[in-house]
Amino acid sequence: QNEQFKVAPIGFVRGLKREVGEMLNKSQYTITESEFAAIESL
């Protein structure tokens, strides 16, 4: 819709721990590195 995309840099997901925790229904402090990697490679 006439807006240009930007590609999220590697590690972008770690800046959104709160949102990720809410999506996974768990504390942001218990998100594993494996889960971060899986979300980043969706």
All heavy atoms as atom14 arrays in JSON, in Angstrom:
{
  "sequence": "QNEQFKVAPIGFVRGLKREVGEMLNKSQYTITESEFAAIESL",
  "atom14_mask": [
    [1, 1, 1, 1, 1, 1, 1, 1, 1, 0, 0, 0, 0, 0],
    [1, 1, 1, 1, 1, 1, 1, 1, 0, 0, 0, 0, 0, 0],
    [1, 1, 1, 1, 1, 1, 1, 1, 1, 0, 0, 0, 0, 0],
    [1, 1, 1, 1, 1, 1, 1, 1, 1, 0, 0, 0, 0, 0],
    [1, 1, 1, 1, 1, 1, 1, 1, 1, 1, 1, 0, 0, 0],
    [1, 1, 1, 1, 1, 1, 1, 1, 1, 0, 0, 0, 0, 0],
    [1, 1, 1, 1, 1, 1, 1, 0, 0, 0, 0, 0, 0, 0],
    [1, 1, 1, 1, 1, 0, 0, 0, 0, 0, 0, 0, 0, 0],
    [1, 1, 1, 1, 1, 1, 1, 0, 0, 0, 0, 0, 0, 0],
    [1, 1, 1, 1, 1, 1, 1, 1, 0, 0, 0, 0, 0, 0],
    [1, 1, 1, 1, 0, 0, 0, 0, 0, 0, 0, 0, 0, 0],
    [1, 1, 1, 1, 1, 1, 1, 1, 1, 1, 1, 0, 0, 0],
    [1, 1, 1, 1, 1, 1, 1, 0, 0, 0, 0, 0, 0, 0],
    [1, 1, 1, 1, 1, 1, 1, 1, 1, 1, 1, 0, 0, 0],
    [1, 1, 1, 1, 0, 0, 0, 0, 0, 0, 0, 0, 0, 0],
    [1, 1, 1, 1, 1, 1, 1, 1, 0, 0, 0, 0, 0, 0],
    [1, 1, 1, 1, 1, 1, 1, 1, 1, 0, 0, 0, 0, 0],
    [1, 1, 1, 1, 1, 1, 1, 1, 1, 1, 1, 0, 0, 0],
    [1, 1, 1, 1, 1, 1, 1, 1, 1, 0, 0, 0, 0, 0],
    [1, 1, 1, 1, 1, 1, 1, 0, 0, 0, 0, 0, 0, 0],
    [1, 1, 1, 1, 0, 0, 0, 0, 0, 0, 0, 0, 0, 0],
    [1, 1, 1, 1, 1, 1, 1, 1, 1, 0, 0, 0, 0, 0],
    [1, 1, 1, 1, 1, 1, 1, 1, 0, 0, 0, 0, 0, 0],
    [1, 1, 1, 1, 1, 1, 1, 1, 0, 0, 0, 0, 0, 0],
    [1, 1, 1, 1, 1, 1, 1, 1, 0, 0, 0, 0, 0, 0],
    [1, 1, 1, 1, 1, 1, 1, 1, 1, 0, 0, 0, 0, 0],
    [1, 1, 1, 1, 1, 1, 0, 0, 0, 0, 0, 0, 0, 0],
    [1, 1, 1, 1, 1, 1, 1, 1, 1, 0, 0, 0, 0, 0],
    [1, 1, 1, 1, 1, 1, 1, 1, 1, 1, 1, 1, 0, 0],
    [1, 1, 1, 1, 1, 1, 1, 0, 0, 0, 0, 0, 0, 0],
    [1, 1, 1, 1, 1, 1, 1, 1, 0, 0, 0, 0, 0, 0],
    [1, 1, 1, 1, 1, 1, 1, 0, 0, 0, 0, 0, 0, 0],
    [1, 1, 1, 1, 1, 1, 1, 1, 1, 0, 0, 0, 0, 0],
    [1, 1, 1, 1, 1, 1, 0, 0, 0, 0, 0, 0, 0, 0],
    [1, 1, 1, 1, 1, 1, 1, 1, 1, 0, 0, 0, 0, 0],
    [1, 1, 1, 1, 1, 1, 1, 1, 1, 1, 1, 0, 0, 0],
    [1, 1, 1, 1, 1, 0, 0, 0, 0, 0, 0, 0, 0, 0],
    [1, 1, 1, 1, 1, 0, 0, 0, 0, 0, 0, 0, 0, 0],
    [1, 1, 1, 1, 1, 1, 1, 1, 0, 0, 0, 0, 0, 0],
    [1, 1, 1, 1, 1, 1, 1, 1, 1, 0, 0, 0, 0, 0],
    [1, 1, 1, 1, 1, 1, 0, 0, 0, 0, 0, 0, 0, 0],
    [1, 1, 1, 1, 1, 1, 1, 1, 0, 0, 0, 0, 0, 0]
  ],
  "atom14_positions": [
    [[0.82, -1.21, 0.0], [0.0, 0.0, 0.0], [0.86, 1.27, 0.0], [0.71, 2.16, 0.82], [-0.95, -0.01, 1.21], [-1.92, -1.18, 1.2], [-2.78, -1.23, 2.44], [-2.49, -0.62, 3.44], [-3.87, -1.98, 2.35], [0.0, 0.0, 0.0], [0.0, 0.0, 0.0], [0.0, 0.0, 0.0], [0.0, 0.0, 0.0], [0.0, 0.0, 0.0]],
    [[1.78, 1.29, -0.96], [2.63, 2.46, -1.22], [3.61, 2.8, -0.1], [4.19, 3.88, -0.07], [1.76, 3.7, -1.52], [0.98, 3.52, -2.81], [1.49, 2.95, -3.77], [-0.25, 3.99, -2.82], [0.0, 0.0, 0.0], [0.0, 0.0, 0.0], [0.0, 0.0, 0.0], [0.0, 0.0, 0.0], [0.0, 0.0, 0.0], [0.0, 0.0, 0.0]],
    [[3.83, 1.86, 0.85], [4.85, 2.05, 1.87], [5.98, 1.07, 1.63], [5.75, -0.08, 1.27], [4.26, 1.83, 3.27], [3.23, 2.88, 3.68], [2.75, 2.67, 5.1], [3.45, 1.98, 5.85], [1.68, 3.2, 5.44], [0.0, 0.0, 0.0], [0.0, 0.0, 0.0], [0.0, 0.0, 0.0], [0.0, 0.0, 0.0], [0.0, 0.0, 0.0]],
    [[7.21, 1.54, 1.85], [8.37, 0.69, 1.6], [8.72, -0.13, 2.85], [8.75, 0.4, 3.96], [9.57, 1.53, 1.2], [10.79, 0.72, 0.77], [11.98, 1.6, 0.47], [12.62, 2.1, 1.37], [12.26, 1.8, -0.8], [0.0, 0.0, 0.0], [0.0, 0.0, 0.0], [0.0, 0.0, 0.0], [0.0, 0.0, 0.0], [0.0, 0.0, 0.0]],
    [[8.96, -1.4, 2.65], [9.38, -2.25, 3.75], [10.84, -2.01, 4.11], [11.67, -1.68, 3.26], [9.24, -3.73, 3.37], [7.84, -4.26, 3.44], [7.26, -4.88, 2.35], [7.11, -4.18, 4.62], [5.98, -5.4, 2.42], [5.84, -4.7, 4.69], [5.26, -5.31, 3.59], [0.0, 0.0, 0.0], [0.0, 0.0, 0.0], [0.0, 0.0, 0.0]],
    [[11.16, -2.23, 5.38], [12.54, -2.33, 5.84], [12.74, -3.75, 6.36], [11.82, -4.32, 6.97], [12.82, -1.32, 6.96], [12.71, 0.14, 6.55], [12.85, 1.05, 7.75], [11.61, 0.96, 8.64], [11.65, 1.95, 9.77], [0.0, 0.0, 0.0], [0.0, 0.0, 0.0], [0.0, 0.0, 0.0], [0.0, 0.0, 0.0], [0.0, 0.0, 0.0]],
    [[13.92, -4.31, 6.12], [14.19, -5.66, 6.61], [14.76, -5.56, 8.02], [15.74, -4.86, 8.27], [15.17, -6.4, 5.69], [15.51, -7.77, 6.25], [14.58, -6.54, 4.29], [0.0, 0.0, 0.0], [0.0, 0.0, 0.0], [0.0, 0.0, 0.0], [0.0, 0.0, 0.0], [0.0, 0.0, 0.0], [0.0, 0.0, 0.0], [0.0, 0.0, 0.0]],
    [[14.14, -6.26, 8.96], [14.58, -6.22, 10.35], [15.98, -6.79, 10.47], [16.29, -7.84, 9.91], [13.61, -7.02, 11.22], [0.0, 0.0, 0.0], [0.0, 0.0, 0.0], [0.0, 0.0, 0.0], [0.0, 0.0, 0.0], [0.0, 0.0, 0.0], [0.0, 0.0, 0.0], [0.0, 0.0, 0.0], [0.0, 0.0, 0.0], [0.0, 0.0, 0.0]],
    [[16.86, -6.1, 11.2], [18.23, -6.6, 11.36], [18.27, -7.85, 12.24], [17.34, -8.12, 13.02], [18.95, -5.42, 12.05], [17.85, -4.7, 12.78], [16.63, -4.84, 11.92], [0.0, 0.0, 0.0], [0.0, 0.0, 0.0], [0.0, 0.0, 0.0], [0.0, 0.0, 0.0], [0.0, 0.0, 0.0], [0.0, 0.0, 0.0], [0.0, 0.0, 0.0]],
    [[19.34, -8.6, 12.13], [19.54, -9.77, 12.97], [19.51, -9.34, 14.44], [20.15, -8.35, 14.81], [20.87, -10.47, 12.65], [20.87, -10.99, 11.21], [21.13, -11.61, 13.62], [19.84, -12.05, 10.93], [0.0, 0.0, 0.0], [0.0, 0.0, 0.0], [0.0, 0.0, 0.0], [0.0, 0.0, 0.0], [0.0, 0.0, 0.0], [0.0, 0.0, 0.0]],
    [[18.77, -10.04, 15.27], [18.67, -9.7, 16.68], [17.5, -8.78, 17.01], [17.28, -8.45, 18.18], [0.0, 0.0, 0.0], [0.0, 0.0, 0.0], [0.0, 0.0, 0.0], [0.0, 0.0, 0.0], [0.0, 0.0, 0.0], [0.0, 0.0, 0.0], [0.0, 0.0, 0.0], [0.0, 0.0, 0.0], [0.0, 0.0, 0.0], [0.0, 0.0, 0.0]],
    [[16.76, -8.38, 15.99], [15.64, -7.46, 16.19], [14.63, -8.03, 17.2], [14.07, -7.29, 18.01], [14.95, -7.21, 14.84], [13.81, -6.22, 14.9], [14.07, -4.86, 14.81], [12.5, -6.65, 15.0], [13.02, -3.94, 14.85], [11.44, -5.73, 15.03], [11.72, -4.38, 14.97], [0.0, 0.0, 0.0], [0.0, 0.0, 0.0], [0.0, 0.0, 0.0]],
    [[14.42, -9.32, 17.17], [13.43, -9.96, 18.03], [13.76, -9.77, 19.5], [12.86, -9.66, 20.34], [13.31, -11.46, 17.68], [14.62, -12.19, 17.95], [12.18, -12.11, 18.46], [0.0, 0.0, 0.0], [0.0, 0.0, 0.0], [0.0, 0.0, 0.0], [0.0, 0.0, 0.0], [0.0, 0.0, 0.0], [0.0, 0.0, 0.0], [0.0, 0.0, 0.0]],
    [[15.04, -9.66, 19.85], [15.42, -9.53, 21.25], [15.08, -8.16, 21.83], [15.07, -7.97, 23.04], [16.91, -9.83, 21.41], [17.22, -11.31, 21.25], [18.69, -11.59, 21.08], [18.95, -13.03, 21.03], [18.72, -13.79, 19.98], [18.2, -13.27, 18.89], [18.97, -15.09, 20.01], [0.0, 0.0, 0.0], [0.0, 0.0, 0.0], [0.0, 0.0, 0.0]],
    [[14.82, -7.21, 20.94], [14.38, -5.89, 21.4], [12.9, -5.84, 21.7], [12.39, -4.8, 22.15], [0.0, 0.0, 0.0], [0.0, 0.0, 0.0], [0.0, 0.0, 0.0], [0.0, 0.0, 0.0], [0.0, 0.0, 0.0], [0.0, 0.0, 0.0], [0.0, 0.0, 0.0], [0.0, 0.0, 0.0], [0.0, 0.0, 0.0], [0.0, 0.0, 0.0]],
    [[12.21, -6.93, 21.43], [10.76, -6.99, 21.66], [10.42, -8.17, 22.57], [9.47, -8.91, 22.34], [10.03, -7.13, 20.31], [10.21, -5.96, 19.33], [9.61, -6.3, 17.98], [9.55, -4.69, 19.88], [0.0, 0.0, 0.0], [0.0, 0.0, 0.0], [0.0, 0.0, 0.0], [0.0, 0.0, 0.0], [0.0, 0.0, 0.0], [0.0, 0.0, 0.0]],
    [[11.19, -8.31, 23.65], [11.0, -9.44, 24.55], [9.61, -9.45, 25.18], [9.01, -10.51, 25.36], [12.06, -9.41, 25.65], [13.47, -9.73, 25.17], [14.44, -9.73, 26.33], [15.86, -10.07, 25.86], [16.81, -10.07, 26.99], [0.0, 0.0, 0.0], [0.0, 0.0, 0.0], [0.0, 0.0, 0.0], [0.0, 0.0, 0.0], [0.0, 0.0, 0.0]],
    [[9.1, -8.27, 25.52], [7.79, -8.22, 26.15], [6.72, -8.78, 25.22], [5.89, -9.61, 25.61], [7.44, -6.79, 26.56], [6.06, -6.65, 27.22], [5.79, -5.21, 27.59], [5.81, -4.34, 26.43], [4.79, -4.2, 25.58], [3.68, -4.9, 25.77], [4.88, -3.38, 24.55], [0.0, 0.0, 0.0], [0.0, 0.0, 0.0], [0.0, 0.0, 0.0]],
    [[6.75, -8.32, 23.95], [5.77, -8.79, 22.97], [5.91, -10.29, 22.73], [4.91, -11.02, 22.62], [5.93, -8.03, 21.66], [5.5, -6.57, 21.71], [6.63, -5.64, 22.13], [7.61, -6.13, 22.74], [6.52, -4.43, 21.86], [0.0, 0.0, 0.0], [0.0, 0.0, 0.0], [0.0, 0.0, 0.0], [0.0, 0.0, 0.0], [0.0, 0.0, 0.0]],
    [[7.16, -10.76, 22.66], [7.39, -12.18, 22.43], [6.88, -13.01, 23.61], [6.24, -14.05, 23.43], [8.89, -12.46, 22.19], [9.16, -13.96, 22.14], [9.35, -11.79, 20.9], [0.0, 0.0, 0.0], [0.0, 0.0, 0.0], [0.0, 0.0, 0.0], [0.0, 0.0, 0.0], [0.0, 0.0, 0.0], [0.0, 0.0, 0.0], [0.0, 0.0, 0.0]],
    [[7.13, -12.52, 24.82], [6.65, -13.22, 26.0], [5.14, -13.32, 26.02], [4.57, -14.38, 26.35], [0.0, 0.0, 0.0], [0.0, 0.0, 0.0], [0.0, 0.0, 0.0], [0.0, 0.0, 0.0], [0.0, 0.0, 0.0], [0.0, 0.0, 0.0], [0.0, 0.0, 0.0], [0.0, 0.0, 0.0], [0.0, 0.0, 0.0], [0.0, 0.0, 0.0]],
    [[4.46, -12.23, 25.62], [2.99, -12.24, 25.59], [2.49, -13.24, 24.54], [1.51, -13.95, 24.76], [2.47, -10.84, 25.29], [2.68, -9.86, 26.44], [2.28, -8.44, 26.08], [1.94, -8.21, 24.88], [2.3, -7.57, 26.96], [0.0, 0.0, 0.0], [0.0, 0.0, 0.0], [0.0, 0.0, 0.0], [0.0, 0.0, 0.0], [0.0, 0.0, 0.0]],
    [[3.15, -13.28, 23.4], [2.74, -14.23, 22.35], [2.89, -15.67, 22.81], [2.05, -16.52, 22.52], [3.57, -13.99, 21.08], [3.24, -12.74, 20.32], [4.04, -12.72, 18.69], [5.75, -13.02, 19.1], [0.0, 0.0, 0.0], [0.0, 0.0, 0.0], [0.0, 0.0, 0.0], [0.0, 0.0, 0.0], [0.0, 0.0, 0.0], [0.0, 0.0, 0.0]],
    [[3.99, -15.95, 23.53], [4.27, -17.31, 23.97], [3.62, -17.64, 25.31], [3.76, -18.77, 25.8], [5.79, -17.51, 24.07], [6.59, -17.4, 22.76], [8.08, -17.52, 23.05], [6.15, -18.45, 21.76], [0.0, 0.0, 0.0], [0.0, 0.0, 0.0], [0.0, 0.0, 0.0], [0.0, 0.0, 0.0], [0.0, 0.0, 0.0], [0.0, 0.0, 0.0]],
    [[2.95, -16.62, 25.89], [2.27, -16.8, 27.17], [3.26, -17.24, 28.26], [3.0, -18.18, 29.01], [1.13, -17.81, 27.04], [0.17, -17.76, 28.22], [0.02, -16.7, 28.85], [-0.47, -18.88, 28.53], [0.0, 0.0, 0.0], [0.0, 0.0, 0.0], [0.0, 0.0, 0.0], [0.0, 0.0, 0.0], [0.0, 0.0, 0.0], [0.0, 0.0, 0.0]],
    [[4.38, -16.53, 28.33], [5.39, -16.82, 29.34], [6.15, -15.55, 29.7], [6.05, -14.54, 28.98], [6.35, -17.9, 28.84], [7.18, -17.5, 27.64], [7.95, -18.67, 27.06], [8.9, -19.3, 28.02], [9.71, -20.38, 27.39], [0.0, 0.0, 0.0], [0.0, 0.0, 0.0], [0.0, 0.0, 0.0], [0.0, 0.0, 0.0], [0.0, 0.0, 0.0]],
    [[6.88, -15.57, 30.76], [7.67, -14.4, 31.16], [8.75, -14.13, 30.13], [9.38, -15.05, 29.6], [8.31, -14.65, 32.53], [9.3, -13.67, 32.8], [0.0, 0.0, 0.0], [0.0, 0.0, 0.0], [0.0, 0.0, 0.0], [0.0, 0.0, 0.0], [0.0, 0.0, 0.0], [0.0, 0.0, 0.0], [0.0, 0.0, 0.0], [0.0, 0.0, 0.0]],
    [[8.97, -12.82, 29.88], [10.02, -12.46, 28.93], [11.39, -12.91, 29.4], [12.32, -13.04, 28.6], [10.01, -10.95, 28.69], [10.28, -10.12, 29.94], [10.31, -8.63, 29.66], [11.18, -8.14, 28.94], [9.35, -7.91, 30.2], [0.0, 0.0, 0.0], [0.0, 0.0, 0.0], [0.0, 0.0, 0.0], [0.0, 0.0, 0.0], [0.0, 0.0, 0.0]],
    [[11.53, -13.17, 30.7], [12.83, -13.57, 31.25], [13.08, -15.07, 31.12], [14.17, -15.55, 31.45], [12.91, -13.15, 32.73], [12.67, -11.67, 32.93], [11.49, -11.21, 33.49], [13.63, -10.74, 32.53], [11.25, -9.85, 33.66], [13.41, -9.38, 32.69], [12.21, -8.94, 33.25], [12.0, -7.59, 33.41], [0.0, 0.0, 0.0], [0.0, 0.0, 0.0]],
    [[12.08, -15.8, 30.66], [12.26, -17.25, 30.52], [12.27, -17.69, 29.05], [12.26, -18.88, 28.77], [11.14, -18.01, 31.27], [9.85, -17.63, 30.74], [11.19, -17.69, 32.76], [0.0, 0.0, 0.0], [0.0, 0.0, 0.0], [0.0, 0.0, 0.0], [0.0, 0.0, 0.0], [0.0, 0.0, 0.0], [0.0, 0.0, 0.0], [0.0, 0.0, 0.0]],
    [[12.26, -16.73, 28.13], [12.34, -17.07, 26.71], [13.72, -17.64, 26.41], [14.74, -17.04, 26.78], [12.07, -15.83, 25.83], [10.72, -15.2, 26.17], [12.12, -16.21, 24.34], [10.51, -13.84, 25.54], [0.0, 0.0, 0.0], [0.0, 0.0, 0.0], [0.0, 0.0, 0.0], [0.0, 0.0, 0.0], [0.0, 0.0, 0.0], [0.0, 0.0, 0.0]],
    [[13.77, -18.77, 25.77], [15.06, -19.41, 25.49], [15.67, -18.88, 24.19], [14.98, -18.31, 23.34], [14.88, -20.93, 25.36], [14.07, -21.21, 24.2], [14.18, -21.51, 26.59], [0.0, 0.0, 0.0], [0.0, 0.0, 0.0], [0.0, 0.0, 0.0], [0.0, 0.0, 0.0], [0.0, 0.0, 0.0], [0.0, 0.0, 0.0], [0.0, 0.0, 0.0]],
    [[16.97, -19.07, 24.08], [17.67, -18.67, 22.85], [17.11, -19.43, 21.64], [17.03, -18.91, 20.54], [19.17, -18.93, 22.98], [19.9, -17.92, 23.84], [19.77, -16.51, 23.28], [20.02, -16.3, 22.08], [19.38, -15.6, 24.05], [0.0, 0.0, 0.0], [0.0, 0.0, 0.0], [0.0, 0.0, 0.0], [0.0, 0.0, 0.0], [0.0, 0.0, 0.0]],
    [[16.72, -20.67, 21.89], [16.15, -21.47, 20.81], [14.84, -20.88, 20.32], [14.56, -20.86, 19.11], [15.92, -22.91, 21.29], [15.34, -23.7, 20.29], [0.0, 0.0, 0.0], [0.0, 0.0, 0.0], [0.0, 0.0, 0.0], [0.0, 0.0, 0.0], [0.0, 0.0, 0.0], [0.0, 0.0, 0.0], [0.0, 0.0, 0.0], [0.0, 0.0, 0.0]],
    [[14.04, -20.36, 21.24], [12.77, -19.73, 20.85], [13.01, -18.42, 20.09], [12.33, -18.13, 19.11], [11.91, -19.5, 22.09], [11.32, -20.79, 22.65], [10.65, -20.59, 24.0], [11.13, -19.74, 24.79], [9.66, -21.29, 24.27], [0.0, 0.0, 0.0], [0.0, 0.0, 0.0], [0.0, 0.0, 0.0], [0.0, 0.0, 0.0], [0.0, 0.0, 0.0]],
    [[13.98, -17.64, 20.56], [14.32, -16.42, 19.83], [14.76, -16.75, 18.4], [14.33, -16.1, 17.44], [15.46, -15.67, 20.54], [15.01, -14.81, 21.69], [15.64, -14.88, 22.91], [13.98, -13.89, 21.53], [15.24, -14.08, 23.97], [13.57, -13.08, 22.58], [14.2, -13.18, 23.82], [0.0, 0.0, 0.0], [0.0, 0.0, 0.0], [0.0, 0.0, 0.0]],
    [[15.62, -17.76, 18.26], [16.12, -18.14, 16.94], [14.99, -18.63, 16.05], [14.95, -18.33, 14.85], [17.2, -19.21, 17.08], [0.0, 0.0, 0.0], [0.0, 0.0, 0.0], [0.0, 0.0, 0.0], [0.0, 0.0, 0.0], [0.0, 0.0, 0.0], [0.0, 0.0, 0.0], [0.0, 0.0, 0.0], [0.0, 0.0, 0.0], [0.0, 0.0, 0.0]],
    [[14.05, -19.4, 16.64], [12.93, -19.92, 15.85], [12.04, -18.79, 15.35], [11.6, -18.8, 14.19], [12.12, -20.9, 16.69], [0.0, 0.0, 0.0], [0.0, 0.0, 0.0], [0.0, 0.0, 0.0], [0.0, 0.0, 0.0], [0.0, 0.0, 0.0], [0.0, 0.0, 0.0], [0.0, 0.0, 0.0], [0.0, 0.0, 0.0], [0.0, 0.0, 0.0]],
    [[11.77, -17.8, 16.2], [10.93, -16.68, 15.79], [11.63, -15.86, 14.71], [11.01, -15.42, 13.74], [10.58, -15.8, 17.01], [9.6, -16.54, 17.91], [9.98, -14.46, 16.56], [9.28, -15.83, 19.2], [0.0, 0.0, 0.0], [0.0, 0.0, 0.0], [0.0, 0.0, 0.0], [0.0, 0.0, 0.0], [0.0, 0.0, 0.0], [0.0, 0.0, 0.0]],
    [[12.93, -15.68, 14.86], [13.68, -14.88, 13.88], [13.76, -15.57, 12.52], [13.96, -14.91, 11.5], [15.08, -14.59, 14.41], [15.76, -13.44, 13.71], [16.84, -12.81, 14.57], [17.7, -13.55, 15.07], [16.82, -11.58, 14.74], [0.0, 0.0, 0.0], [0.0, 0.0, 0.0], [0.0, 0.0, 0.0], [0.0, 0.0, 0.0], [0.0, 0.0, 0.0]],
    [[13.59, -16.88, 12.49], [13.73, -17.61, 11.22], [12.38, -18.09, 10.67], [12.35, -18.94, 9.79], [14.66, -18.81, 11.41], [14.12, -19.74, 12.33], [0.0, 0.0, 0.0], [0.0, 0.0, 0.0], [0.0, 0.0, 0.0], [0.0, 0.0, 0.0], [0.0, 0.0, 0.0], [0.0, 0.0, 0.0], [0.0, 0.0, 0.0], [0.0, 0.0, 0.0]],
    [[11.28, -17.54, 11.19], [9.97, -17.95, 10.71], [9.84, -17.73, 9.22], [10.13, -16.65, 8.71], [8.86, -17.17, 11.44], [8.66, -17.5, 12.92], [7.64, -16.53, 13.53], [8.19, -18.93, 13.1], [0.0, 0.0, 0.0], [0.0, 0.0, 0.0], [0.0, 0.0, 0.0], [0.0, 0.0, 0.0], [0.0, 0.0, 0.0], [0.0, 0.0, 0.0]]
  ]
}
